[in-house]
PDB file of N, CA and C in Angstrom:
ATOM      1  N   GLY A   1      86.543  31.991  30.117  1.00  0.00           N
ATOM      2  CA  GLY A   1      87.883  31.770  29.386  1.00  0.00           C
ATOM      3  C   GLY A   1      87.732  32.450  28.421  1.00  0.00           C
ATOM      4  N   TYR A   2      88.925  32.528  27.289  1.00  0.00           N
ATOM      5  CA  TYR A   2      89.004  32.950  25.935  1.00  0.00           C
ATOM      6  C   TYR A   2      89.044  32.085  24.900  1.00  0.00           C
ATOM      7  N   VAL A   3      88.677  32.655  23.735  1.00  0.00           N
ATOM      8  CA  VAL A   3      89.218  31.633  22.473  1.00  0.00           C
ATOM      9  C   VAL A   3      90.265  32.565  21.625  1.00  0.00           C
ATOM     10  N   ILE A   4      91.288  31.895  21.467  1.00  0.00           N
ATOM     11  CA  ILE A   4      92.031  32.473  20.255  1.00  0.00           C
ATOM     12  C   ILE A   4      92.175  31.748  19.172  1.00  0.00           C
ATOM     13  N   VAL A   5      91.917  32.599  18.014  1.00  0.00           N
ATOM     14  CA  VAL A   5      91.555  32.137  16.590  1.00  0.00           C
ATOM     15  C   VAL A   5      93.033  32.894  15.796  1.00  0.00           C
ATOM     16  N   SER A   6      93.411  31.827  15.159  1.00  0.00           N
ATOM     17  CA  SER A   6      94.394  32.415  14.026  1.00  0.00           C
ATOM     18  C   SER A   6      93.956  32.073  12.592  1.00  0.00           C
ATOM     19  N   THR A   7      94.045  32.938  11.874  1.00  0.00           N
ATOM     20  CA  THR A   7      93.519  32.768  10.591  1.00  0.00           C
ATOM     21  C   THR A   7      94.817  33.245   9.564  1.00  0.00           C
ATOM     22  N   TRP A   8      94.952  32.745   8.699  1.00  0.00           N
ATOM     23  CA  TRP A   8      96.029  32.854   7.553  1.00  0.00           C
ATOM     24  C   TRP A   8      95.772  34.232   6.868  1.00  0.00           C
ATOM     25  N   ARG A   9      96.595  35.146   6.621  1.00  0.00           N
ATOM     26  CA  ARG A   9      96.355  36.076   5.677  1.00  0.00           C
ATOM     27  C   ARG A   9      97.180  36.145   4.569  1.00  0.00           C
ATOM     28  N   PHE A  10      97.157  35.257   3.462  1.00  0.00           N
ATOM     29  CA  PHE A  10      97.808  35.111   2.477  1.00  0.00           C
ATOM     30  C   PHE A  10      97.603  35.875   1.162  1.00  0.00           C
ATOM     31  N   LEU A  11      96.511  36.735   1.308  1.00  0.00           N
ATOM     32  CA  LEU A  11      96.385  37.788   0.394  1.00  0.00           C
ATOM     33  C   LEU A  11      97.401  39.127   0.730  1.00  0.00           C
ATOM     34  N   ALA A  12      97.879  39.254   2.026  1.00  0.00           N
ATOM     35  CA  ALA A  12      98.772  40.234   2.450  1.00  0.00           C
ATOM     36  C   ALA A  12     100.047  40.403   1.715  1.00  0.00           C
ATOM     37  N   HIS A  13     100.557  39.465   1.052  1.00  0.00           N
ATOM     38  CA  HIS A  13     101.861  39.503   0.699  1.00  0.00           C
ATOM     39  C   HIS A  13     101.873  38.750  -0.731  1.00  0.00           C
ATOM     40  N   GLU A  14     102.616  39.446  -1.649  1.00  0.00           N
ATOM     41  CA  GLU A  14     102.818  38.896  -2.971  1.00  0.00           C
ATOM     42  C   GLU A  14     103.257  37.568  -3.332  1.00  0.00           C
ATOM     43  N   ARG A  15     103.923  37.146  -2.259  1.00  0.00           N
ATOM     44  CA  ARG A  15     104.471  35.755  -2.356  1.00  0.00           C
ATOM     45  C   ARG A  15     103.543  34.444  -2.062  1.00  0.00           C
ATOM     46  N   MET A  16     102.431  35.143  -1.495  1.00  0.00           N
ATOM     47  CA  MET A  16     101.585  34.044  -1.169  1.00  0.00           C
ATOM     48  C   MET A  16     100.400  34.358  -2.431  1.00  0.00           C
ATOM     49  N   ARG A  17     100.209  35.697  -2.956  1.00  0.00           N
ATOM     50  CA  ARG A  17      99.268  35.801  -3.892  1.00  0.00           C
ATOM     51  C   ARG A  17      99.452  34.896  -5.072  1.00  0.00           C
ATOM     52  N   ARG A  18     100.746  35.013  -5.640  1.00  0.00           N
ATOM     53  CA  ARG A  18     101.264  34.336  -6.736  1.00  0.00           C
ATOM     54  C   ARG A  18     100.736  32.827  -6.777  1.00  0.00           C
ATOM     55  N   LYS A  19     100.502  32.176  -5.667  1.00  0.00           N
ATOM     56  CA  LYS A  19     100.286  30.992  -5.449  1.00  0.00           C
ATOM     57  C   LYS A  19      98.453  30.774  -5.937  1.00  0.00           C
ATOM     58  N   ILE A  20      97.682  31.725  -6.238  1.00  0.00           N
ATOM     59  CA  ILE A  20      96.441  31.741  -6.106  1.00  0.00           C
ATOM     60  C   ILE A  20      96.115  30.852  -7.608  1.00  0.00           C
ATOM     61  N   VAL A  21      95.414  29.838  -7.632  1.00  0.00           N
ATOM     62  CA  VAL A  21      95.138  29.224  -8.987  1.00  0.00           C
ATOM     63  C   VAL A  21      93.546  29.411  -9.052  1.00  0.00           C
ATOM     64  N   ASP A  22      93.341  29.709 -10.627  1.00  0.00           N
ATOM     65  CA  ASP A  22      91.756  29.743 -10.834  1.00  0.00           C
ATOM     66  C   ASP A  22      91.070  28.420 -10.508  1.00  0.00           C
ATOM     67  N   TRP A  23      89.827  28.568 -10.222  1.00  0.00           N
ATOM     68  CA  TRP A  23      88.977  27.485  -9.839  1.00  0.00           C
ATOM     69  C   TRP A  23      88.660  26.480 -11.065  1.00  0.00           C
ATOM     70  N   GLU A  24      89.014  26.777 -12.123  1.00  0.00           N
ATOM     71  CA  GLU A  24      88.650  26.015 -13.347  1.00  0.00           C
ATOM     72  C   GLU A  24      89.477  24.713 -13.356  1.00  0.00           C
ATOM     73  N   ALA A  25      90.806  25.050 -12.577  1.00  0.00           N
ATOM     74  CA  ALA A  25      91.633  23.883 -12.431  1.00  0.00           C
ATOM     75  C   ALA A  25      90.959  22.644 -11.670  1.00  0.00           C
ATOM     76  N   VAL A  26      89.798  22.730 -11.056  1.00  0.00           N
ATOM     77  CA  VAL A  26      89.415  22.071 -10.213  1.00  0.00           C
ATOM     78  C   VAL A  26      87.669  21.675 -10.654  1.00  0.00           C
ATOM     79  N   ASP A  27      87.661  22.399 -11.808  1.00  0.00           N
ATOM     80  CA  ASP A  27      86.192  22.309 -12.337  1.00  0.00           C
ATOM     81  C   ASP A  27      85.175  22.835 -11.195  1.00  0.00           C
ATOM     82  N   ILE A  28      85.473  24.080 -10.484  1.00  0.00           N
ATOM     83  CA  ILE A  28      84.326  24.774  -9.615  1.00  0.00           C
ATOM     84  C   ILE A  28      83.777  26.030 -10.276  1.00  0.00           C
ATOM     85  N   GLU A  29      82.693  26.310 -10.366  1.00  0.00           N
ATOM     86  CA  GLU A  29      82.361  27.437 -10.570  1.00  0.00           C
ATOM     87  C   GLU A  29      82.477  28.671  -9.438  1.00  0.00           C
ATOM     88  N   GLU A  30      83.136  29.910  -9.879  1.00  0.00           N
ATOM     89  CA  GLU A  30      83.171  30.830  -8.828  1.00  0.00           C
ATOM     90  C   GLU A  30      81.967  30.997  -8.116  1.00  0.00           C
ATOM     91  N   GLU A  31      80.655  31.150  -8.906  1.00  0.00           N
ATOM     92  CA  GLU A  31      79.388  31.452  -8.246  1.00  0.00           C
ATOM     93  C   GLU A  31      79.033  30.501  -7.297  1.00  0.00           C
ATOM     94  N   ASP A  32      79.867  29.187  -7.394  1.00  0.00           N
ATOM     95  CA  ASP A  32      79.270  28.465  -6.134  1.00  0.00           C
ATOM     96  C   ASP A  32      80.150  28.609  -4.747  1.00  0.00           C
ATOM     97  N   LEU A  33      81.005  29.800  -4.574  1.00  0.00           N
ATOM     98  CA  LEU A  33      81.573  29.886  -3.659  1.00  0.00           C
ATOM     99  C   LEU A  33      81.436  31.173  -2.910  1.00  0.00           C
ATOM    100  N   ASP A  34      82.085  31.221  -1.948  1.00  0.00           N
ATOM    101  CA  ASP A  34      81.885  32.298  -1.137  1.00  0.00           C
ATOM    102  C   ASP A  34      82.996  33.370  -1.537  1.00  0.00           C
ATOM    103  N   PRO A  35      82.668  34.918  -1.092  1.00  0.00           N
ATOM    104  CA  PRO A  35      83.674  35.808  -1.383  1.00  0.00           C
ATOM    105  C   PRO A  35      84.519  35.373  -0.367  1.00  0.00           C
ATOM    106  N   GLY A  36      86.002  35.483  -0.810  1.00  0.00           N
ATOM    107  CA  GLY A  36      87.072  35.154   0.324  1.00  0.00           C
ATOM    108  C   GLY A  36      87.574  33.823  -0.193  1.00  0.00           C
ATOM    109  N   ASP A  37      86.938  32.902  -0.908  1.00  0.00           N
ATOM    110  CA  ASP A  37      87.521  31.382  -0.941  1.00  0.00           C
ATOM    111  C   ASP A  37      88.523  31.456  -2.102  1.00  0.00           C
ATOM    112  N   TYR A  38      89.625  30.634  -1.807  1.00  0.00           N
ATOM    113  CA  TYR A  38      90.591  30.856  -2.735  1.00  0.00           C
ATOM    114  C   TYR A  38      91.261  29.389  -2.916  1.00  0.00           C
ATOM    115  N   LEU A  39      91.914  29.166  -3.989  1.00  0.00           N
ATOM    116  CA  LEU A  39      92.349  28.013  -4.483  1.00  0.00           C
ATOM    117  C   LEU A  39      94.086  28.155  -4.352  1.00  0.00           C
ATOM    118  N   LEU A  40      94.869  27.703  -3.587  1.00  0.00           N
ATOM    119  CA  LEU A  40      96.247  28.166  -3.719  1.00  0.00           C
ATOM    120  C   LEU A  40      97.233  26.782  -4.252  1.00  0.00           C
ATOM    121  N   ASP A  41      98.119  26.840  -5.078  1.00  0.00           N
ATOM    122  CA  ASP A  41      98.901  26.087  -5.416  1.00  0.00           C
ATOM    123  C   ASP A  41      99.949  25.752  -4.502  1.00  0.00           C
ATOM    124  N   TRP A  42      99.985  24.519  -3.812  1.00  0.00           N
ATOM    125  CA  TRP A  42     100.995  24.196  -2.603  1.00  0.00           C
ATOM    126  C   TRP A  42     102.022  22.976  -3.055  1.00  0.00           C
ATOM    127  N   LYS A  43     102.959  23.416  -3.663  1.00  0.00           N
ATOM    128  CA  LYS A  43     104.137  22.445  -4.146  1.00  0.00           C
ATOM    129  C   LYS A  43     105.176  22.207  -3.262  1.00  0.00           C
ATOM    130  N   ARG A  44     104.692  21.298  -2.426  1.00  0.00           N
ATOM    131  CA  ARG A  44     105.742  20.543  -1.347  1.00  0.00           C
ATOM    132  C   ARG A  44     106.110  19.009  -1.738  1.00  0.00           C
ATOM    133  N   GLY A  45     107.110  18.795  -2.320  1.00  0.00           N
ATOM    134  CA  GLY A  45     107.435  17.649  -2.747  1.00  0.00           C
ATOM    135  C   GLY A  45     106.527  17.080  -4.020  1.00  0.00           C
ATOM    136  N   GLY A  46     105.875  17.789  -4.543  1.00  0.00           N
ATOM    137  CA  GLY A  46     104.731  17.474  -5.791  1.00  0.00           C
ATOM    138  C   GLY A  46     104.177  18.490  -6.077  1.00  0.00           C
ATOM    139  N   ARG A  47     102.857  18.273  -6.340  1.00  0.00           N
ATOM    140  CA  ARG A  47     101.847  19.191  -6.830  1.00  0.00           C
ATOM    141  C   ARG A  47     100.690  18.763  -5.884  1.00  0.00           C
ATOM    142  N   GLY A  48     100.034  20.036  -5.170  1.00  0.00           N
ATOM    143  CA  GLY A  48      98.850  20.053  -4.528  1.00  0.00           C
ATOM    144  C   GLY A  48      98.116  21.182  -4.556  1.00  0.00           C
ATOM    145  N   LEU A  49      96.841  21.051  -4.204  1.00  0.00           N
ATOM    146  CA  LEU A  49      96.113  22.280  -4.537  1.00  0.00           C
ATOM    147  C   LEU A  49      95.392  22.412  -3.111  1.00  0.00           C
ATOM    148  N   ARG A  50      95.142  23.693  -2.552  1.00  0.00           N
ATOM    149  CA  ARG A  50      94.908  24.130  -1.150  1.00  0.00           C
ATOM    150  C   ARG A  50      93.469  24.906  -0.995  1.00  0.00           C
ATOM    151  N   TYR A  51      92.482  24.812  -0.514  1.00  0.00           N
ATOM    152  CA  TYR A  51      91.210  25.474  -0.424  1.00  0.00           C
ATOM    153  C   TYR A  51      91.630  26.332   0.793  1.00  0.00           C
ATOM    154  N   CYS A  52      91.613  27.747   0.589  1.00  0.00           N
ATOM    155  CA  CYS A  52      91.591  28.504   1.791  1.00  0.00           C
ATOM    156  C   CYS A  52      90.578  29.594   1.696  1.00  0.00           C
ATOM    157  N   HIS A  53      90.215  30.113   2.561  1.00  0.00           N
ATOM    158  CA  HIS A  53      89.404  30.959   2.894  1.00  0.00           C
ATOM    159  C   HIS A  53      89.803  32.268   3.525  1.00  0.00           C
ATOM    160  N   MET A  54      89.884  33.789   3.067  1.00  0.00           N
ATOM    161  CA  MET A  54      90.575  34.639   3.585  1.00  0.00           C
ATOM    162  C   MET A  54      89.509  35.276   4.925  1.00  0.00           C
ATOM    163  N   VAL A  55      89.983  35.399   5.935  1.00  0.00           N
ATOM    164  CA  VAL A  55      89.094  36.040   7.051  1.00  0.00           C
ATOM    165  C   VAL A  55      89.725  37.121   7.321  1.00  0.00           C
ATOM    166  N   ASP A  56      89.117  38.327   7.387  1.00  0.00           N
ATOM    167  CA  ASP A  56      89.582  39.528   7.655  1.00  0.00           C
ATOM    168  C   ASP A  56      89.126  39.880   9.145  1.00  0.00           C
ATOM    169  N   GLU A  57      89.361  41.356   9.338  1.00  0.00           N
ATOM    170  CA  GLU A  57      89.140  41.666  10.508  1.00  0.00           C
ATOM    171  C   GLU A  57      87.382  41.765  10.621  1.00  0.00           C
ATOM    172  N   GLU A  58      86.701  42.259   9.692  1.00  0.00           N
ATOM    173  CA  GLU A  58      85.236  42.557   9.791  1.00  0.00           C
ATOM    174  C   GLU A  58      84.815  40.948   9.768  1.00  0.00           C
ATOM    175  N   GLU A  59      85.299  40.256   8.960  1.00  0.00           N
ATOM    176  CA  GLU A  59      84.590  38.743   9.073  1.00  0.00           C
ATOM    177  C   GLU A  59      84.892  38.285  10.311  1.00  0.00           C
ATOM    178  N   MET A  60      85.960  38.499  10.742  1.00  0.00           N
ATOM    179  CA  MET A  60      86.207  37.868  12.243  1.00  0.00           C
ATOM    180  C   MET A  60      85.120  38.429  13.219  1.00  0.00           C
ATOM    181  N   GLU A  61      84.830  39.496  13.384  1.00  0.00           N
ATOM    182  CA  GLU A  61      83.729  40.269  14.057  1.00  0.00           C
ATOM    183  C   GLU A  61      82.438  39.519  13.689  1.00  0.00           C
ATOM    184  N   ALA A  62      82.021  39.624  12.514  1.00  0.00           N
ATOM    185  CA  ALA A  62      80.727  38.763  12.277  1.00  0.00           C
ATOM    186  C   ALA A  62      80.726  37.389  12.826  1.00  0.00           C
ATOM    187  N   LEU A  63      81.706  36.707  12.556  1.00  0.00           N
ATOM    188  CA  LEU A  63      81.888  35.111  12.851  1.00  0.00           C
ATOM    189  C   LEU A  63      81.601  35.003  14.714  1.00  0.00           C
ATOM    190  N   ALA A  64      82.452  35.892  15.241  1.00  0.00           N
ATOM    191  CA  ALA A  64      82.468  36.275  16.580  1.00  0.00           C
ATOM    192  C   ALA A  64      80.854  36.353  17.366  1.00  0.00           C
ATOM    193  N   ALA A  65      80.485  37.326  16.489  1.00  0.00           N
ATOM    194  CA  ALA A  65      78.854  37.995  16.923  1.00  0.00           C
ATOM    195  C   ALA A  65      77.776  36.861  16.793  1.00  0.00           C
ATOM    196  N   ALA A  66      78.050  36.055  15.663  1.00  0.00           N
ATOM    197  CA  ALA A  66      77.257  35.139  15.396  1.00  0.00           C
ATOM    198  C   ALA A  66      77.395  33.912  16.392  1.00  0.00           C
ATOM    199  N   SER A  67      78.392  33.786  17.204  1.00  0.00           N
ATOM    200  CA  SER A  67      79.012  32.949  17.995  1.00  0.00           C
ATOM    201  C   SER A  67      78.375  33.266  19.162  1.00  0.00           C
ATOM    202  N   GLY A  68      78.187  34.356  19.591  1.00  0.00           N
ATOM    203  CA  GLY A  68      77.647  34.999  20.905  1.00  0.00           C
ATOM    204  C   GLY A  68      79.018  35.126  21.745  1.00  0.00           C
ATOM    205  N   LEU A  69      80.011  35.887  20.722  1.00  0.00           N
ATOM    206  CA  LEU A  69      81.320  36.325  21.329  1.00  0.00           C
ATOM    207  C   LEU A  69      81.623  37.534  20.703  1.00  0.00           C
ATOM    208  N   ILE A  70      82.655  38.362  21.451  1.00  0.00           N
ATOM    209  CA  ILE A  70      82.857  39.645  20.926  1.00  0.00           C
ATOM    210  C   ILE A  70      84.678  39.478  20.833  1.00  0.00           C
ATOM    211  N   VAL A  71      85.001  40.156  19.846  1.00  0.00           N
ATOM    212  CA  VAL A  71      86.615  40.244  19.883  1.00  0.00           C
ATOM    213  C   VAL A  71      86.996  41.360  20.688  1.00  0.00           C
ATOM    214  N   ARG A  72      87.925  40.872  21.607  1.00  0.00           N
ATOM    215  CA  ARG A  72      88.533  41.665  22.577  1.00  0.00           C
ATOM    216  C   ARG A  72      89.730  42.330  21.778  1.00  0.00           C
ATOM    217  N   GLU A  73      90.586  41.704  21.234  1.00  0.00           N
ATOM    218  CA  GLU A  73      92.055  42.222  20.612  1.00  0.00           C
ATOM    219  C   GLU A  73      92.239  41.497  19.106  1.00  0.00           C
ATOM    220  N   THR A  74      93.056  42.300  18.592  1.00  0.00           N
ATOM    221  CA  THR A  74      93.279  41.434  17.370  1.00  0.00           C
ATOM    222  C   THR A  74      95.032  42.001  17.334  1.00  0.00           C
ATOM    223  N   PHE A  75      95.846  40.830  16.666  1.00  0.00           N
ATOM    224  CA  PHE A  75      97.397  41.079  16.186  1.00  0.00           C
ATOM    225  C   PHE A  75      97.519  40.191  15.187  1.00  0.00           C
ATOM    226  N   ARG A  76      98.707  40.795  14.451  1.00  0.00           N
ATOM    227  CA  ARG A  76      99.350  40.053  13.289  1.00  0.00           C
ATOM    228  C   ARG A  76     100.721  39.537  13.748  1.00  0.00           C
ATOM    229  N   ALA A  77     100.876  38.308  13.300  1.00  0.00           N
ATOM    230  CA  ALA A  77     102.401  37.698  13.439  1.00  0.00           C
ATOM    231  C   ALA A  77     102.672  36.545  12.835  1.00  0.00           C
ATOM    232  N   GLY A  78     103.752  36.145  12.667  1.00  0.00           N
ATOM    233  CA  GLY A  78     103.944  34.715  12.046  1.00  0.00           C
ATOM    234  C   GLY A  78     104.638  35.000  10.546  1.00  0.00           C
ATOM    235  N   GLY A  79     105.110  33.871  10.022  1.00  0.00           N
ATOM    236  CA  GLY A  79     105.855  33.750   8.754  1.00  0.00           C
ATOM    237  C   GLY A  79     106.966  34.662   8.618  1.00  0.00           C
ATOM    238  N   ARG A  80     107.682  34.534   7.481  1.00  0.00           N
ATOM    239  CA  ARG A  80     108.840  35.308   7.395  1.00  0.00           C
ATOM    240  C   ARG A  80     108.665  37.061   7.572  1.00  0.00           C
ATOM    241  N   GLU A  81     107.255  37.177   7.232  1.00  0.00           N
ATOM    242  CA  GLU A  81     107.082  38.865   7.088  1.00  0.00           C
ATOM    243  C   GLU A  81     106.633  39.385   8.610  1.00  0.00           C
ATOM    244  N   GLY A  82     106.263  38.439   9.154  1.00  0.00           N
ATOM    245  CA  GLY A  82     106.132  38.766  10.655  1.00  0.00           C
ATOM    246  C   GLY A  82     104.361  39.040  10.656  1.00  0.00           C
ATOM    247  N   ASP A  83     103.740  39.116   9.933  1.00  0.00           N
ATOM    248  CA  ASP A  83     102.482  39.352   9.959  1.00  0.00           C
ATOM    249  C   ASP A  83     101.478  38.418   9.093  1.00  0.00           C
ATOM    250  N   LEU A  84     102.149  37.541   8.931  1.00  0.00           N
ATOM    251  CA  LEU A  84     101.252  36.525   7.891  1.00  0.00           C
ATOM    252  C   LEU A  84      99.788  35.580   8.348  1.00  0.00           C
ATOM    253  N   SER A  85      99.693  35.955   9.900  1.00  0.00           N
ATOM    254  CA  SER A  85      98.501  35.382  10.606  1.00  0.00           C
ATOM    255  C   SER A  85      97.875  36.567  11.252  1.00  0.00           C
ATOM    256  N   LEU A  86      96.349  36.689  11.373  1.00  0.00           N
ATOM    257  CA  LEU A  86      95.565  37.452  11.822  1.00  0.00           C
ATOM    258  C   LEU A  86      95.055  36.538  13.035  1.00  0.00           C
ATOM    259  N   PHE A  87      95.513  37.026  14.535  1.00  0.00           N
ATOM    260  CA  PHE A  87      95.117  36.408  15.678  1.00  0.00           C
ATOM    261  C   PHE A  87      93.862  37.213  16.508  1.00  0.00           C
ATOM    262  N   ALA A  88      93.068  36.730  16.921  1.00  0.00           N
ATOM    263  CA  ALA A  88      92.111  37.352  17.678  1.00  0.00           C
ATOM    264  C   ALA A  88      91.640  36.627  18.852  1.00  0.00           C
ATOM    265  N   ILE A  89      91.625  37.369  19.779  1.00  0.00           N
ATOM    266  CA  ILE A  89      91.044  37.046  21.206  1.00  0.00           C
ATOM    267  C   ILE A  89      89.471  37.237  21.566  1.00  0.00           C
ATOM    268  N   LEU A  90      88.941  36.056  21.550  1.00  0.00           N
ATOM    269  CA  LEU A  90      87.210  36.206  21.765  1.00  0.00           C
ATOM    270  C   LEU A  90      86.988  36.076  23.103  1.00  0.00           C
ATOM    271  N   ASP A  91      86.096  36.654  23.422  1.00  0.00           N
ATOM    272  CA  ASP A  91      85.446  36.238  24.733  1.00  0.00           C
ATOM    273  C   ASP A  91      83.679  36.371  24.868  1.00  0.00           C
ATOM    274  N   ARG A  92      83.192  35.755  25.573  1.00  0.00           N
ATOM    275  CA  ARG A  92      81.844  35.861  25.742  1.00  0.00           C
ATOM    276  C   ARG A  92      81.422  37.316  25.609  1.00  0.00           C
ATOM    277  N   ALA A  93      80.082  37.555  25.093  1.00  0.00           N
ATOM    278  CA  ALA A  93      79.312  38.909  24.901  1.00  0.00           C
ATOM    279  C   ALA A  93      79.054  39.058  26.151  1.00  0.00           C
ATOM    280  N   ARG A  94      78.885  40.262  27.004  1.00  0.00           N
ATOM    281  CA  ARG A  94      78.282  40.254  28.412  1.00  0.00           C
ATOM    282  C   ARG A  94      77.141  41.304  28.066  1.00  0.00           C
TER     283      ARG A  94
END
């Protein structure tokens, strides 16, 4: 079978990048985080903060390989821009 993974490409568009909040807002030091970790302001009927990790194609390949899988195909879709998510179709490495 296949595994289909969807990741959010929130850095791809300015309207999402404007939501990035400094880690000081939650008293976390950046050196305690991994590259690609972000905190986003999420105003849905109030104030909320959302932890997100940006997974790009390179990291998707590495994560798949670490799991004994390979990326068969990737594509972008979703959101009002039509490309706000990265989808990857994974299969067992042969």
